[in-house]
C-alpha atoms as a PDB file:
ATOM      1  CA  MET A   1     121.082  62.276  65.421  1.00  0.00           C
ATOM      2  CA  GLN A   2     117.116  62.529  63.747  1.00  0.00           C
ATOM      3  CA  ARG A   3     115.424  59.402  63.899  1.00  0.00           C
ATOM      4  CA  LYS A   4     112.939  59.554  60.175  1.00  0.00           C
ATOM      5  CA  ALA A   5     110.328  57.167  59.242  1.00  0.00           C
ATOM      6  CA  TRP A   6     108.456  57.107  55.953  1.00  0.00           C
ATOM      7  CA  MET A   7     105.282  54.389  54.406  1.00  0.00           C
ATOM      8  CA  ILE A   8     103.664  54.015  51.842  1.00  0.00           C
ATOM      9  CA  ARG A   9     101.999  51.248  49.841  1.00  0.00           C
ATOM     10  CA  LEU A  10     103.350  48.270  48.283  1.00  0.00           C
ATOM     11  CA  LYS A  11     101.295  46.686  44.682  1.00  0.00           C
ATOM     12  CA  PRO A  12     100.496  43.589  45.729  1.00  0.00           C
ATOM     13  CA  GLU A  13     101.215  41.793  42.207  1.00  0.00           C
ATOM     14  CA  LYS A  14     104.587  42.958  43.360  1.00  0.00           C
ATOM     15  CA  LEU A  15     105.624  42.078  46.536  1.00  0.00           C
ATOM     16  CA  SER A  16     108.157  38.866  45.781  1.00  0.00           C
ATOM     17  CA  GLU A  17     110.113  41.057  43.362  1.00  0.00           C
ATOM     18  CA  TYR A  18     109.999  43.964  45.832  1.00  0.00           C
ATOM     19  CA  LYS A  19     111.268  41.250  49.140  1.00  0.00           C
ATOM     20  CA  GLU A  20     113.691  39.624  46.494  1.00  0.00           C
ATOM     21  CA  LEU A  21     115.068  43.248  45.319  1.00  0.00           C
ATOM     22  CA  HIS A  22     115.771  43.708  48.736  1.00  0.00           C
ATOM     23  CA  ALA A  23     116.779  40.454  49.843  1.00  0.00           C
ATOM     24  CA  ASN A  24     119.783  41.263  46.998  1.00  0.00           C
ATOM     25  CA  ALA A  25     120.631  44.750  47.635  1.00  0.00           C
ATOM     26  CA  TRP A  26     122.925  46.212  45.367  1.00  0.00           C
ATOM     27  CA  PRO A  27     126.767  47.206  46.991  1.00  0.00           C
ATOM     28  CA  ALA A  28     126.371  50.707  45.316  1.00  0.00           C
ATOM     29  CA  ILE A  29     123.440  51.778  46.469  1.00  0.00           C
ATOM     30  CA  LEU A  30     123.423  50.273  50.114  1.00  0.00           C
ATOM     31  CA  LYS A  31     127.203  52.350  49.497  1.00  0.00           C
ATOM     32  CA  GLN A  32     125.439  55.316  48.567  1.00  0.00           C
ATOM     33  CA  ILE A  33     122.698  55.458  51.423  1.00  0.00           C
ATOM     34  CA  SER A  34     125.474  55.604  54.445  1.00  0.00           C
ATOM     35  CA  ALA A  35     127.759  57.877  52.336  1.00  0.00           C
ATOM     36  CA  CYS A  36     124.014  59.518  52.460  1.00  0.00           C
ATOM     37  CA  ASN A  37     124.631  59.886  56.759  1.00  0.00           C
ATOM     38  CA  ILE A  38     121.812  56.990  56.840  1.00  0.00           C
ATOM     39  CA  ARG A  39     122.536  54.569  59.558  1.00  0.00           C
ATOM     40  CA  ASN A  40     120.986  51.637  60.797  1.00  0.00           C
ATOM     41  CA  TYR A  41     118.087  51.545  57.916  1.00  0.00           C
ATOM     42  CA  SER A  42     115.574  49.295  58.459  1.00  0.00           C
ATOM     43  CA  ILE A  43     112.686  48.373  56.065  1.00  0.00           C
ATOM     44  CA  TYR A  44     109.193  47.012  57.553  1.00  0.00           C
ATOM     45  CA  LEU A  45     105.992  45.083  55.491  1.00  0.00           C
ATOM     46  CA  ARG A  46     102.699  45.356  56.679  1.00  0.00           C
ATOM     47  CA  GLU A  47     100.039  41.880  55.044  1.00  0.00           C
ATOM     48  CA  PRO A  48      98.269  42.088  54.221  1.00  0.00           C
ATOM     49  CA  GLU A  49      97.565  45.773  53.927  1.00  0.00           C
ATOM     50  CA  ASN A  50     100.900  46.070  51.963  1.00  0.00           C
ATOM     51  CA  ILE A  51     102.360  49.177  53.410  1.00  0.00           C
ATOM     52  CA  LEU A  52     105.857  49.681  54.213  1.00  0.00           C
ATOM     53  CA  VAL A  53     107.490  51.449  56.812  1.00  0.00           C
ATOM     54  CA  GLY A  54     111.219  52.715  56.301  1.00  0.00           C
ATOM     55  CA  ILE A  55     113.351  53.943  59.648  1.00  0.00           C
ATOM     56  CA  TYR A  56     116.635  54.822  60.597  1.00  0.00           C
ATOM     57  CA  GLU A  57     118.794  57.066  61.716  1.00  0.00           C
ATOM     58  CA  TYR A  58     120.735  60.370  60.441  1.00  0.00           C
ATOM     59  CA  HIS A  59     123.712  61.378  61.307  1.00  0.00           C
ATOM     60  CA  GLY A  60     124.274  63.894  59.133  1.00  0.00           C
ATOM     61  CA  THR A  61     124.114  68.170  59.634  1.00  0.00           C
ATOM     62  CA  ASP A  62     121.523  68.956  56.246  1.00  0.00           C
ATOM     63  CA  PHE A  63     119.670  66.151  55.169  1.00  0.00           C
ATOM     64  CA  ASP A  64     117.987  68.192  52.474  1.00  0.00           C
ATOM     65  CA  ALA A  65     122.181  68.434  50.518  1.00  0.00           C
ATOM     66  CA  ASP A  66     122.213  64.679  51.737  1.00  0.00           C
ATOM     67  CA  MET A  67     118.713  64.055  49.901  1.00  0.00           C
ATOM     68  CA  ALA A  68     119.957  65.737  47.383  1.00  0.00           C
ATOM     69  CA  ARG A  69     123.357  63.968  46.664  1.00  0.00           C
ATOM     70  CA  MET A  70     121.736  60.107  47.265  1.00  0.00           C
ATOM     71  CA  ALA A  71     118.650  61.415  44.087  1.00  0.00           C
ATOM     72  CA  ALA A  72     121.537  63.009  41.912  1.00  0.00           C
ATOM     73  CA  ASP A  73     123.255  59.515  42.349  1.00  0.00           C
ATOM     74  CA  PRO A  74     123.562  57.673  38.901  1.00  0.00           C
ATOM     75  CA  GLU A  75     122.847  54.773  40.285  1.00  0.00           C
ATOM     76  CA  THR A  76     120.480  55.382  43.334  1.00  0.00           C
ATOM     77  CA  ARG A  77     118.523  56.813  39.917  1.00  0.00           C
ATOM     78  CA  ARG A  78     118.974  53.053  38.891  1.00  0.00           C
ATOM     79  CA  TRP A  79     117.909  51.332  42.290  1.00  0.00           C
ATOM     80  CA  TRP A  80     114.623  53.897  42.410  1.00  0.00           C
ATOM     81  CA  ALA A  81     114.111  53.253  38.247  1.00  0.00           C
ATOM     82  CA  VAL A  82     113.762  49.578  39.931  1.00  0.00           C
ATOM     83  CA  THR A  83     112.227  49.789  43.028  1.00  0.00           C
ATOM     84  CA  GLU A  84     109.497  53.029  42.245  1.00  0.00           C
ATOM     85  CA  PRO A  85     107.355  50.898  40.057  1.00  0.00           C
ATOM     86  CA  CYS A  86     106.155  48.132  43.024  1.00  0.00           C
ATOM     87  CA  GLN A  87     104.867  51.228  44.713  1.00  0.00           C
ATOM     88  CA  GLU A  88     102.789  53.057  44.951  1.00  0.00           C
ATOM     89  CA  PRO A  89     101.608  56.386  47.309  1.00  0.00           C
ATOM     90  CA  LEU A  90      99.137  56.332  50.633  1.00  0.00           C
ATOM     91  CA  GLU A  91      96.307  57.619  49.406  1.00  0.00           C
ATOM     92  CA  THR A  92      96.487  60.177  51.809  1.00  0.00           C
ATOM     93  CA  ALA A  93      99.739  61.823  50.301  1.00  0.00           C
ATOM     94  CA  THR A  94     100.107  65.348  49.244  1.00  0.00           C
ATOM     95  CA  GLU A  95     101.263  66.205  45.892  1.00  0.00           C
ATOM     96  CA  GLY A  96     104.495  65.169  45.332  1.00  0.00           C
ATOM     97  CA  GLU A  97     104.076  62.950  47.724  1.00  0.00           C
ATOM     98  CA  TRP A  98     106.058  59.020  47.324  1.00  0.00           C
ATOM     99  CA  TRP A  99     107.337  57.442  50.864  1.00  0.00           C
ATOM    100  CA  ALA A 100     104.825  59.425  53.179  1.00  0.00           C
ATOM    101  CA  PRO A 101     106.590  61.385  56.552  1.00  0.00           C
ATOM    102  CA  MET A 102     105.597  59.837  60.045  1.00  0.00           C
ATOM    103  CA  GLU A 103     105.785  62.067  63.120  1.00  0.00           C
ATOM    104  CA  GLU A 104     107.371  60.618  65.452  1.00  0.00           C
ATOM    105  CA  VAL A 105     105.313  59.487  69.027  1.00  0.00           C
ATOM    106  CA  PHE A 106     107.006  57.863  71.096  1.00  0.00           C
ATOM    107  CA  HIS A 107     110.478  56.582  71.081  1.00  0.00           C
ATOM    108  CA  LEU A 108     113.145  54.469  74.704  1.00  0.00           C
ATOM    109  CA  ASP A 109     116.552  54.256  74.158  1.00  0.00           C
END
């Protein structure tokens, strides 16, 4: 199992919409996340900076393949078309980076 953490900025004018979307996440999206070996997934919001931090456990054996499978799923693509306009990459993001990966520097089980 690998723990993963990512961050991105939430557009202030999209705060309510983003919270509502995730309060009512589509069942097909939740099923796809699980099918791609992701468990214990949480998204945290830090206001007033509007930073989102996503944390989850990856329980598969080929992360890149599972993420490609998720990206190829039509319902996931439809979900992203709704959620991505709410987000913007961090100012320090590299070319083509959306959610920026974070380094784990401490964990207590």
